[in-house]
Amino acid sequence: MADGEPLPQPQSLEAHQGNPDYAGGVWAIVDFDVTPYLGKAVRFNATLPEHLLARIDAYVRNHPAQKSRSGFLAEASLKMLQQG
């Protein structure tokens, strides 16, 4: 990834456990923020319905982990893309 390689696609734990290359391994699940590996931020304009934007702003205000509208939209986008 540091060399510009694409991020690997997520797979289920069962898929990894069934892989003979990992036989006898110790398993742990680690959740981490991948956004630093997605590239530099690019500014863009978006048009959203007023009510939707108000709901996003309220969510961001009430959830300090969401630092901004942009952070909220980036996280929501990643979740949708991971679902395929």
C-alpha atoms as a PDB file:
ATOM      1  CA  MET A   1       0.000   0.000   0.000  1.00  0.00           C
ATOM      2  CA  ALA A   2       2.861   2.349   0.679  1.00  0.00           C
ATOM      3  CA  ASP A   3       4.068   1.524  -2.839  1.00  0.00           C
ATOM      4  CA  GLY A   4       0.752   2.459  -4.411  1.00  0.00           C
ATOM      5  CA  GLU A   5      -0.624  -1.074  -4.288  1.00  0.00           C
ATOM      6  CA  PRO A   6      -4.426  -1.271  -4.084  1.00  0.00           C
ATOM      7  CA  LEU A   7      -6.021  -2.137  -0.750  1.00  0.00           C
ATOM      8  CA  PRO A   8      -6.993  -5.806  -0.551  1.00  0.00           C
ATOM      9  CA  GLN A   9     -10.698  -6.598  -0.626  1.00  0.00           C
ATOM     10  CA  PRO A  10     -12.122  -7.674   2.731  1.00  0.00           C
ATOM     11  CA  GLN A  11     -12.908 -11.350   3.158  1.00  0.00           C
ATOM     12  CA  SER A  12     -14.717 -13.293   5.837  1.00  0.00           C
ATOM     13  CA  LEU A  13     -12.817 -14.875   8.702  1.00  0.00           C
ATOM     14  CA  GLU A  14     -13.988 -18.268   7.440  1.00  0.00           C
ATOM     15  CA  ALA A  15     -12.344 -17.646   4.054  1.00  0.00           C
ATOM     16  CA  HIS A  16      -9.004 -17.029   5.769  1.00  0.00           C
ATOM     17  CA  GLN A  17      -9.390 -19.947   8.178  1.00  0.00           C
ATOM     18  CA  GLY A  18     -10.035 -22.265   5.222  1.00  0.00           C
ATOM     19  CA  ASN A  19      -6.856 -21.140   3.451  1.00  0.00           C
ATOM     20  CA  PRO A  20      -4.105 -23.765   3.934  1.00  0.00           C
ATOM     21  CA  ASP A  21      -1.453 -21.004   3.831  1.00  0.00           C
ATOM     22  CA  TYR A  22      -2.716 -19.872   7.236  1.00  0.00           C
ATOM     23  CA  ALA A  23      -3.094 -23.303   8.878  1.00  0.00           C
ATOM     24  CA  GLY A  24      -2.078 -23.280  12.533  1.00  0.00           C
ATOM     25  CA  GLY A  25      -2.096 -19.491  12.734  1.00  0.00           C
ATOM     26  CA  VAL A  26      -3.367 -17.418  15.635  1.00  0.00           C
ATOM     27  CA  TRP A  27      -6.395 -15.300  14.767  1.00  0.00           C
ATOM     28  CA  ALA A  28      -7.224 -11.796  15.935  1.00  0.00           C
ATOM     29  CA  ILE A  29      -9.564  -9.170  14.565  1.00  0.00           C
ATOM     30  CA  VAL A  30      -8.206  -5.637  14.413  1.00  0.00           C
ATOM     31  CA  ASP A  31     -10.357  -2.673  13.448  1.00  0.00           C
ATOM     32  CA  PHE A  32      -8.454   0.350  12.180  1.00  0.00           C
ATOM     33  CA  ASP A  33      -9.052   3.516  10.204  1.00  0.00           C
ATOM     34  CA  VAL A  34      -8.059   2.947   6.557  1.00  0.00           C
ATOM     35  CA  THR A  35      -8.581   6.551   5.465  1.00  0.00           C
ATOM     36  CA  PRO A  36      -4.861   7.458   5.664  1.00  0.00           C
ATOM     37  CA  TYR A  37      -4.264   4.835   2.958  1.00  0.00           C
ATOM     38  CA  LEU A  38      -6.935   6.096   0.564  1.00  0.00           C
ATOM     39  CA  GLY A  39      -4.918   9.007  -0.818  1.00  0.00           C
ATOM     40  CA  LYS A  40      -5.046  12.741  -0.413  1.00  0.00           C
ATOM     41  CA  ALA A  41      -8.366  14.460   0.197  1.00  0.00           C
ATOM     42  CA  VAL A  42      -9.930  16.171  -2.817  1.00  0.00           C
ATOM     43  CA  ARG A  43     -12.425  19.001  -2.431  1.00  0.00           C
ATOM     44  CA  PHE A  44     -15.688  18.675  -4.374  1.00  0.00           C
ATOM     45  CA  ASN A  45     -19.143  20.223  -4.326  1.00  0.00           C
ATOM     46  CA  ALA A  46     -22.234  18.158  -3.633  1.00  0.00           C
ATOM     47  CA  THR A  47     -25.912  19.036  -3.562  1.00  0.00           C
ATOM     48  CA  LEU A  48     -28.038  17.344  -0.898  1.00  0.00           C
ATOM     49  CA  PRO A  49     -31.616  17.866   0.251  1.00  0.00           C
ATOM     50  CA  GLU A  50     -31.789  20.359   3.129  1.00  0.00           C
ATOM     51  CA  HIS A  51     -33.421  17.870   5.522  1.00  0.00           C
ATOM     52  CA  LEU A  52     -30.771  15.220   4.811  1.00  0.00           C
ATOM     53  CA  LEU A  53     -27.971  17.711   5.408  1.00  0.00           C
ATOM     54  CA  ALA A  54     -29.592  18.771   8.696  1.00  0.00           C
ATOM     55  CA  ARG A  55     -29.741  15.120   9.799  1.00  0.00           C
ATOM     56  CA  ILE A  56     -26.071  14.609   8.888  1.00  0.00           C
ATOM     57  CA  ASP A  57     -25.091  17.737  10.829  1.00  0.00           C
ATOM     58  CA  ALA A  58     -27.097  16.593  13.872  1.00  0.00           C
ATOM     59  CA  TYR A  59     -25.468  13.162  13.734  1.00  0.00           C
ATOM     60  CA  VAL A  60     -21.983  14.692  13.533  1.00  0.00           C
ATOM     61  CA  ARG A  61     -22.767  17.016  16.472  1.00  0.00           C
ATOM     62  CA  ASN A  62     -23.945  14.095  18.625  1.00  0.00           C
ATOM     63  CA  HIS A  63     -21.157  11.671  17.658  1.00  0.00           C
ATOM     64  CA  PRO A  64     -17.750  13.254  18.343  1.00  0.00           C
ATOM     65  CA  ALA A  65     -15.940  10.453  16.485  1.00  0.00           C
ATOM     66  CA  GLN A  66     -17.483  11.939  13.336  1.00  0.00           C
ATOM     67  CA  LYS A  67     -15.410  15.091  13.122  1.00  0.00           C
ATOM     68  CA  SER A  68     -17.123  16.636  10.117  1.00  0.00           C
ATOM     69  CA  ARG A  69     -19.657  16.249   7.317  1.00  0.00           C
ATOM     70  CA  SER A  70     -16.819  15.102   5.100  1.00  0.00           C
ATOM     71  CA  GLY A  71     -15.775  12.443   7.595  1.00  0.00           C
ATOM     72  CA  PHE A  72     -19.353  11.224   7.881  1.00  0.00           C
ATOM     73  CA  LEU A  73     -19.794  11.052   4.099  1.00  0.00           C
ATOM     74  CA  ALA A  74     -16.431   9.307   3.631  1.00  0.00           C
ATOM     75  CA  GLU A  75     -17.251   6.654   6.251  1.00  0.00           C
ATOM     76  CA  ALA A  76     -20.756   6.090   4.870  1.00  0.00           C
ATOM     77  CA  SER A  77     -19.317   5.788   1.357  1.00  0.00           C
ATOM     78  CA  LEU A  78     -16.726   3.230   2.461  1.00  0.00           C
ATOM     79  CA  LYS A  79     -19.414   1.139   4.161  1.00  0.00           C
ATOM     80  CA  MET A  80     -21.544   1.119   1.010  1.00  0.00           C
ATOM     81  CA  LEU A  81     -18.579   0.223  -1.197  1.00  0.00           C
ATOM     82  CA  GLN A  82     -17.561  -2.635   1.114  1.00  0.00           C
ATOM     83  CA  GLN A  83     -21.033  -4.136   0.748  1.00  0.00           C
ATOM     84  CA  GLY A  84     -20.408  -4.464  -2.974  1.00  0.00           C
END
